[in-house]
Amino acid sequence: MKDQLIKAARMHAEGELERAKTNILVYMNHSVGIGEHSDIVEAIQEELDKMAMATDRIDMLNKHFAEPIEIRVV
């Protein structure tokens, strides 16, 4: 059960990381079509904060609860 919980927490954090990264790429490549964000830089900073939080969670899981698995940010 412990391994399954760690796996679920890691996968959730990895999903959050990829979601935030994808949002940043959309802001950078298609900013004209994003009407709800008038301040693109602020929106990107918010997504970077989400990436940092997800990365921290993965690091804590690796450090305290399981064998390390590299974070794959491409």
PDB file of N, CA and C in Angstrom:
ATOM      1  N   MET A   1       0.814  -1.190   0.000  1.00  0.00           N
ATOM      2  CA  MET A   1       0.000   0.000   0.000  1.00  0.00           C
ATOM      3  C   MET A   1       0.864   1.264   0.000  1.00  0.00           C
ATOM      4  N   LYS A   2       1.930   1.245   0.795  1.00  0.00           N
ATOM      5  CA  LYS A   2       2.830   2.397   0.858  1.00  0.00           C
ATOM      6  C   LYS A   2       3.368   2.739  -0.525  1.00  0.00           C
ATOM      7  N   ASP A   3       3.841   1.726  -1.251  1.00  0.00           N
ATOM      8  CA  ASP A   3       4.398   1.963  -2.578  1.00  0.00           C
ATOM      9  C   ASP A   3       3.364   2.549  -3.527  1.00  0.00           C
ATOM     10  N   GLN A   4       2.136   2.069  -3.422  1.00  0.00           N
ATOM     11  CA  GLN A   4       1.073   2.576  -4.289  1.00  0.00           C
ATOM     12  C   GLN A   4       0.770   4.043  -3.982  1.00  0.00           C
ATOM     13  N   LEU A   5       0.756   4.400  -2.709  1.00  0.00           N
ATOM     14  CA  LEU A   5       0.512   5.791  -2.318  1.00  0.00           C
ATOM     15  C   LEU A   5       1.638   6.712  -2.793  1.00  0.00           C
ATOM     16  N   ILE A   6       2.862   6.257  -2.650  1.00  0.00           N
ATOM     17  CA  ILE A   6       4.002   7.048  -3.127  1.00  0.00           C
ATOM     18  C   ILE A   6       3.930   7.204  -4.636  1.00  0.00           C
ATOM     19  N   LYS A   7       3.611   6.126  -5.317  1.00  0.00           N
ATOM     20  CA  LYS A   7       3.489   6.171  -6.775  1.00  0.00           C
ATOM     21  C   LYS A   7       2.398   7.154  -7.197  1.00  0.00           C
ATOM     22  N   ALA A   8       1.255   7.115  -6.536  1.00  0.00           N
ATOM     23  CA  ALA A   8       0.149   8.012  -6.877  1.00  0.00           C
ATOM     24  C   ALA A   8       0.527   9.469  -6.623  1.00  0.00           C
ATOM     25  N   ALA A   9       1.189   9.732  -5.508  1.00  0.00           N
ATOM     26  CA  ALA A   9       1.605  11.104  -5.198  1.00  0.00           C
ATOM     27  C   ALA A   9       2.617  11.611  -6.221  1.00  0.00           C
ATOM     28  N   ARG A  10       3.555  10.737  -6.606  1.00  0.00           N
ATOM     29  CA  ARG A  10       4.559  11.129  -7.602  1.00  0.00           C
ATOM     30  C   ARG A  10       3.909  11.393  -8.956  1.00  0.00           C
ATOM     31  N   MET A  11       3.023  10.510  -9.363  1.00  0.00           N
ATOM     32  CA  MET A  11       2.368  10.677 -10.664  1.00  0.00           C
ATOM     33  C   MET A  11       1.516  11.939 -10.691  1.00  0.00           C
ATOM     34  N   HIS A  12       0.870  12.252  -9.580  1.00  0.00           N
ATOM     35  CA  HIS A  12       0.078  13.471  -9.500  1.00  0.00           C
ATOM     36  C   HIS A  12       0.976  14.694  -9.661  1.00  0.00           C
ATOM     37  N   ALA A  13       2.103  14.704  -8.969  1.00  0.00           N
ATOM     38  CA  ALA A  13       3.035  15.834  -9.067  1.00  0.00           C
ATOM     39  C   ALA A  13       3.613  15.939 -10.476  1.00  0.00           C
ATOM     40  N   GLU A  14       3.942  14.802 -11.085  1.00  0.00           N
ATOM     41  CA  GLU A  14       4.461  14.821 -12.454  1.00  0.00           C
ATOM     42  C   GLU A  14       3.417  15.370 -13.424  1.00  0.00           C
ATOM     43  N   GLY A  15       2.150  15.011 -13.202  1.00  0.00           N
ATOM     44  CA  GLY A  15       1.080  15.543 -14.043  1.00  0.00           C
ATOM     45  C   GLY A  15       0.931  17.047 -13.893  1.00  0.00           C
ATOM     46  N   GLU A  16       1.018  17.539 -12.654  1.00  0.00           N
ATOM     47  CA  GLU A  16       0.946  18.979 -12.417  1.00  0.00           C
ATOM     48  C   GLU A  16       2.109  19.699 -13.088  1.00  0.00           C
ATOM     49  N   LEU A  17       3.286  19.091 -13.003  1.00  0.00           N
ATOM     50  CA  LEU A  17       4.469  19.668 -13.631  1.00  0.00           C
ATOM     51  C   LEU A  17       4.280  19.796 -15.141  1.00  0.00           C
ATOM     52  N   GLU A  18       3.820  18.744 -15.776  1.00  0.00           N
ATOM     53  CA  GLU A  18       3.608  18.763 -17.228  1.00  0.00           C
ATOM     54  C   GLU A  18       2.488  19.723 -17.628  1.00  0.00           C
ATOM     55  N   ARG A  19       1.446  19.788 -16.824  1.00  0.00           N
ATOM     56  CA  ARG A  19       0.340  20.706 -17.120  1.00  0.00           C
ATOM     57  C   ARG A  19       0.815  22.149 -17.102  1.00  0.00           C
ATOM     58  N   ALA A  20       1.572  22.512 -16.078  1.00  0.00           N
ATOM     59  CA  ALA A  20       2.077  23.879 -15.978  1.00  0.00           C
ATOM     60  C   ALA A  20       3.038  24.186 -17.123  1.00  0.00           C
ATOM     61  N   LYS A  21       3.893  23.234 -17.447  1.00  0.00           N
ATOM     62  CA  LYS A  21       4.832  23.428 -18.551  1.00  0.00           C
ATOM     63  C   LYS A  21       4.085  23.629 -19.868  1.00  0.00           C
ATOM     64  N   THR A  22       3.063  22.836 -20.094  1.00  0.00           N
ATOM     65  CA  THR A  22       2.268  22.966 -21.312  1.00  0.00           C
ATOM     66  C   THR A  22       1.599  24.329 -21.381  1.00  0.00           C
ATOM     67  N   ASN A  23       1.063  24.789 -20.258  1.00  0.00           N
ATOM     68  CA  ASN A  23       0.447  26.120 -20.229  1.00  0.00           C
ATOM     69  C   ASN A  23       1.454  27.194 -20.593  1.00  0.00           C
ATOM     70  N   ILE A  24       2.664  27.090 -20.080  1.00  0.00           N
ATOM     71  CA  ILE A  24       3.699  28.068 -20.418  1.00  0.00           C
ATOM     72  C   ILE A  24       3.991  28.049 -21.910  1.00  0.00           C
ATOM     73  N   LEU A  25       4.111  26.866 -22.469  1.00  0.00           N
ATOM     74  CA  LEU A  25       4.370  26.766 -23.908  1.00  0.00           C
ATOM     75  C   LEU A  25       3.243  27.378 -24.724  1.00  0.00           C
ATOM     76  N   VAL A  26       2.000  27.185 -24.285  1.00  0.00           N
ATOM     77  CA  VAL A  26       0.863  27.799 -24.979  1.00  0.00           C
ATOM     78  C   VAL A  26       0.957  29.319 -24.885  1.00  0.00           C
ATOM     79  N   TYR A  27       1.237  29.832 -23.687  1.00  0.00           N
ATOM     80  CA  TYR A  27       1.373  31.289 -23.523  1.00  0.00           C
ATOM     81  C   TYR A  27       2.467  31.845 -24.424  1.00  0.00           C
ATOM     82  N   MET A  28       3.569  31.130 -24.523  1.00  0.00           N
ATOM     83  CA  MET A  28       4.698  31.619 -25.313  1.00  0.00           C
ATOM     84  C   MET A  28       4.454  31.524 -26.815  1.00  0.00           C
ATOM     85  N   ASN A  29       3.740  30.496 -27.232  1.00  0.00           N
ATOM     86  CA  ASN A  29       3.581  30.262 -28.671  1.00  0.00           C
ATOM     87  C   ASN A  29       2.260  30.751 -29.249  1.00  0.00           C
ATOM     88  N   HIS A  30       1.237  30.960 -28.394  1.00  0.00           N
ATOM     89  CA  HIS A  30      -0.077  31.342 -28.898  1.00  0.00           C
ATOM     90  C   HIS A  30      -0.714  32.410 -28.012  1.00  0.00           C
ATOM     91  N   SER A  31       0.064  33.365 -27.582  1.00  0.00           N
ATOM     92  CA  SER A  31      -0.430  34.347 -26.618  1.00  0.00           C
ATOM     93  C   SER A  31      -1.541  35.237 -27.186  1.00  0.00           C
ATOM     94  N   VAL A  32      -1.634  35.384 -28.476  1.00  0.00           N
ATOM     95  CA  VAL A  32      -2.667  36.226 -29.076  1.00  0.00           C
ATOM     96  C   VAL A  32      -4.060  35.662 -28.816  1.00  0.00           C
ATOM     97  N   GLY A  33      -4.183  34.356 -28.795  1.00  0.00           N
ATOM     98  CA  GLY A  33      -5.483  33.725 -28.645  1.00  0.00           C
ATOM     99  C   GLY A  33      -5.927  33.511 -27.205  1.00  0.00           C
ATOM    100  N   ILE A  34      -5.196  34.046 -26.247  1.00  0.00           N
ATOM    101  CA  ILE A  34      -5.535  33.827 -24.841  1.00  0.00           C
ATOM    102  C   ILE A  34      -6.113  35.111 -24.273  1.00  0.00           C
ATOM    103  N   GLY A  35      -7.439  35.217 -24.321  1.00  0.00           N
ATOM    104  CA  GLY A  35      -8.105  36.445 -23.928  1.00  0.00           C
ATOM    105  C   GLY A  35      -8.181  36.682 -22.434  1.00  0.00           C
ATOM    106  N   GLU A  36      -8.238  35.623 -21.623  1.00  0.00           N
ATOM    107  CA  GLU A  36      -8.443  35.819 -20.193  1.00  0.00           C
ATOM    108  C   GLU A  36      -7.165  36.235 -19.464  1.00  0.00           C
ATOM    109  N   HIS A  37      -6.021  36.205 -20.136  1.00  0.00           N
ATOM    110  CA  HIS A  37      -4.766  36.586 -19.497  1.00  0.00           C
ATOM    111  C   HIS A  37      -4.182  37.815 -20.189  1.00  0.00           C
ATOM    112  N   SER A  38      -4.467  38.979 -19.628  1.00  0.00           N
ATOM    113  CA  SER A  38      -3.925  40.192 -20.226  1.00  0.00           C
ATOM    114  C   SER A  38      -2.462  40.379 -19.858  1.00  0.00           C
ATOM    115  N   ASP A  39      -2.024  39.805 -18.748  1.00  0.00           N
ATOM    116  CA  ASP A  39      -0.625  39.894 -18.338  1.00  0.00           C
ATOM    117  C   ASP A  39       0.014  38.514 -18.497  1.00  0.00           C
ATOM    118  N   ILE A  40       0.581  38.289 -19.677  1.00  0.00           N
ATOM    119  CA  ILE A  40       1.151  36.993 -20.011  1.00  0.00           C
ATOM    120  C   ILE A  40       2.319  36.650 -19.084  1.00  0.00           C
ATOM    121  N   VAL A  41       3.146  37.656 -18.771  1.00  0.00           N
ATOM    122  CA  VAL A  41       4.303  37.401 -17.908  1.00  0.00           C
ATOM    123  C   VAL A  41       3.846  36.922 -16.533  1.00  0.00           C
ATOM    124  N   GLU A  42       2.828  37.548 -15.985  1.00  0.00           N
ATOM    125  CA  GLU A  42       2.312  37.125 -14.679  1.00  0.00           C
ATOM    126  C   GLU A  42       1.751  35.707 -14.757  1.00  0.00           C
ATOM    127  N   ALA A  43       1.045  35.413 -15.832  1.00  0.00           N
ATOM    128  CA  ALA A  43       0.488  34.068 -15.999  1.00  0.00           C
ATOM    129  C   ALA A  43       1.603  33.031 -16.087  1.00  0.00           C
ATOM    130  N   ILE A  44       2.685  33.349 -16.789  1.00  0.00           N
ATOM    131  CA  ILE A  44       3.818  32.433 -16.889  1.00  0.00           C
ATOM    132  C   ILE A  44       4.476  32.257 -15.530  1.00  0.00           C
ATOM    133  N   GLN A  45       4.616  33.340 -14.772  1.00  0.00           N
ATOM    134  CA  GLN A  45       5.209  33.236 -13.438  1.00  0.00           C
ATOM    135  C   GLN A  45       4.373  32.339 -12.525  1.00  0.00           C
ATOM    136  N   GLU A  46       3.061  32.434 -12.629  1.00  0.00           N
ATOM    137  CA  GLU A  46       2.192  31.567 -11.832  1.00  0.00           C
ATOM    138  C   GLU A  46       2.402  30.100 -12.201  1.00  0.00           C
ATOM    139  N   GLU A  47       2.550  29.823 -13.484  1.00  0.00           N
ATOM    140  CA  GLU A  47       2.786  28.448 -13.921  1.00  0.00           C
ATOM    141  C   GLU A  47       4.167  27.964 -13.474  1.00  0.00           C
ATOM    142  N   LEU A  48       5.158  28.854 -13.484  1.00  0.00           N
ATOM    143  CA  LEU A  48       6.487  28.484 -12.988  1.00  0.00           C
ATOM    144  C   LEU A  48       6.432  28.138 -11.500  1.00  0.00           C
ATOM    145  N   ASP A  49       5.629  28.888 -10.747  1.00  0.00           N
ATOM    146  CA  ASP A  49       5.449  28.577  -9.321  1.00  0.00           C
ATOM    147  C   ASP A  49       4.838  27.188  -9.146  1.00  0.00           C
ATOM    148  N   LYS A  50       3.884  26.844  -9.993  1.00  0.00           N
ATOM    149  CA  LYS A  50       3.277  25.507  -9.935  1.00  0.00           C
ATOM    150  C   LYS A  50       4.299  24.431 -10.265  1.00  0.00           C
ATOM    151  N   MET A  51       5.162  24.714 -11.247  1.00  0.00           N
ATOM    152  CA  MET A  51       6.213  23.764 -11.601  1.00  0.00           C
ATOM    153  C   MET A  51       7.179  23.568 -10.431  1.00  0.00           C
ATOM    154  N   ALA A  52       7.535  24.665  -9.776  1.00  0.00           N
ATOM    155  CA  ALA A  52       8.455  24.590  -8.640  1.00  0.00           C
ATOM    156  C   ALA A  52       7.844  23.770  -7.507  1.00  0.00           C
ATOM    157  N   MET A  53       6.564  23.977  -7.248  1.00  0.00           N
ATOM    158  CA  MET A  53       5.901  23.239  -6.177  1.00  0.00           C
ATOM    159  C   MET A  53       5.850  21.744  -6.504  1.00  0.00           C
ATOM    160  N   ALA A  54       5.520  21.405  -7.732  1.00  0.00           N
ATOM    161  CA  ALA A  54       5.459  20.003  -8.129  1.00  0.00           C
ATOM    162  C   ALA A  54       6.846  19.362  -8.060  1.00  0.00           C
ATOM    163  N   THR A  55       7.859  20.088  -8.495  1.00  0.00           N
ATOM    164  CA  THR A  55       9.230  19.588  -8.436  1.00  0.00           C
ATOM    165  C   THR A  55       9.650  19.353  -6.992  1.00  0.00           C
ATOM    166  N   ASP A  56       9.299  20.274  -6.110  1.00  0.00           N
ATOM    167  CA  ASP A  56       9.605  20.114  -4.687  1.00  0.00           C
ATOM    168  C   ASP A  56       8.941  18.865  -4.115  1.00  0.00           C
ATOM    169  N   ARG A  57       7.703  18.620  -4.504  1.00  0.00           N
ATOM    170  CA  ARG A  57       7.006  17.431  -4.016  1.00  0.00           C
ATOM    171  C   ARG A  57       7.713  16.153  -4.471  1.00  0.00           C
ATOM    172  N   ILE A  58       8.102  16.133  -5.735  1.00  0.00           N
ATOM    173  CA  ILE A  58       8.808  14.963  -6.257  1.00  0.00           C
ATOM    174  C   ILE A  58      10.131  14.782  -5.521  1.00  0.00           C
ATOM    175  N   ASP A  59      10.851  15.869  -5.307  1.00  0.00           N
ATOM    176  CA  ASP A  59      12.116  15.797  -4.576  1.00  0.00           C
ATOM    177  C   ASP A  59      11.911  15.255  -3.163  1.00  0.00           C
ATOM    178  N   MET A  60      10.875  15.701  -2.479  1.00  0.00           N
ATOM    179  CA  MET A  60      10.611  15.227  -1.124  1.00  0.00           C
ATOM    180  C   MET A  60      10.242  13.752  -1.109  1.00  0.00           C
ATOM    181  N   LEU A  61       9.446  13.316  -2.079  1.00  0.00           N
ATOM    182  CA  LEU A  61       9.120  11.896  -2.181  1.00  0.00           C
ATOM    183  C   LEU A  61      10.384  11.072  -2.400  1.00  0.00           C
ATOM    184  N   ASN A  62      11.240  11.541  -3.294  1.00  0.00           N
ATOM    185  CA  ASN A  62      12.479  10.826  -3.580  1.00  0.00           C
ATOM    186  C   ASN A  62      13.404  10.797  -2.363  1.00  0.00           C
ATOM    187  N   LYS A  63      13.479  11.905  -1.678  1.00  0.00           N
ATOM    188  CA  LYS A  63      14.414  12.018  -0.557  1.00  0.00           C
ATOM    189  C   LYS A  63      13.958  11.218   0.664  1.00  0.00           C
ATOM    190  N   HIS A  64      12.675  11.236   0.948  1.00  0.00           N
ATOM    191  CA  HIS A  64      12.205  10.701   2.215  1.00  0.00           C
ATOM    192  C   HIS A  64      11.422   9.393   2.134  1.00  0.00           C
ATOM    193  N   PHE A  65      10.947   9.021   0.947  1.00  0.00           N
ATOM    194  CA  PHE A  65      10.029   7.893   0.900  1.00  0.00           C
ATOM    195  C   PHE A  65      10.343   6.810  -0.123  1.00  0.00           C
ATOM    196  N   ALA A  66      11.253   7.040  -1.031  1.00  0.00           N
ATOM    197  CA  ALA A  66      11.448   6.037  -2.079  1.00  0.00           C
ATOM    198  C   ALA A  66      12.811   6.177  -2.726  1.00  0.00           C
ATOM    199  N   GLU A  67      13.099   5.220  -3.579  1.00  0.00           N
ATOM    200  CA  GLU A  67      14.299   5.305  -4.388  1.00  0.00           C
ATOM    201  C   GLU A  67      14.146   6.479  -5.341  1.00  0.00           C
ATOM    202  N   PRO A  68      15.207   7.250  -5.539  1.00  0.00           N
ATOM    203  CA  PRO A  68      15.118   8.425  -6.427  1.00  0.00           C
ATOM    204  C   PRO A  68      14.747   8.052  -7.865  1.00  0.00           C
ATOM    205  N   ILE A  69      13.879   8.858  -8.416  1.00  0.00           N
ATOM    206  CA  ILE A  69      13.532   8.768  -9.834  1.00  0.00           C
ATOM    207  C   ILE A  69      13.724  10.156 -10.402  1.00  0.00           C
ATOM    208  N   GLU A  70      14.447  10.258 -11.496  1.00  0.00           N
ATOM    209  CA  GLU A  70      14.729  11.562 -12.077  1.00  0.00           C
ATOM    210  C   GLU A  70      13.458  12.229 -12.571  1.00  0.00           C
ATOM    211  N   ILE A  71      13.435  13.558 -12.423  1.00  0.00           N
ATOM    212  CA  ILE A  71      12.351  14.371 -12.979  1.00  0.00           C
ATOM    213  C   ILE A  71      12.667  14.598 -14.448  1.00  0.00           C
ATOM    214  N   ARG A  72      11.710  14.302 -15.291  1.00  0.00           N
ATOM    215  CA  ARG A  72      11.922  14.444 -16.730  1.00  0.00           C
ATOM    216  C   ARG A  72      11.174  15.676 -17.230  1.00  0.00           C
ATOM    217  N   VAL A  73      11.901  16.779 -17.342  1.00  0.00           N
ATOM    218  CA  VAL A  73      11.337  17.992 -17.914  1.00  0.00           C
ATOM    219  C   VAL A  73      12.037  18.207 -19.232  1.00  0.00           C
ATOM    220  N   VAL A  74      11.289  18.100 -20.289  1.00  0.00           N
ATOM    221  CA  VAL A  74      11.874  18.225 -21.625  1.00  0.00           C
ATOM    222  C   VAL A  74      11.412  19.504 -22.246  1.00  0.00           C
TER     223      VAL A  74
END
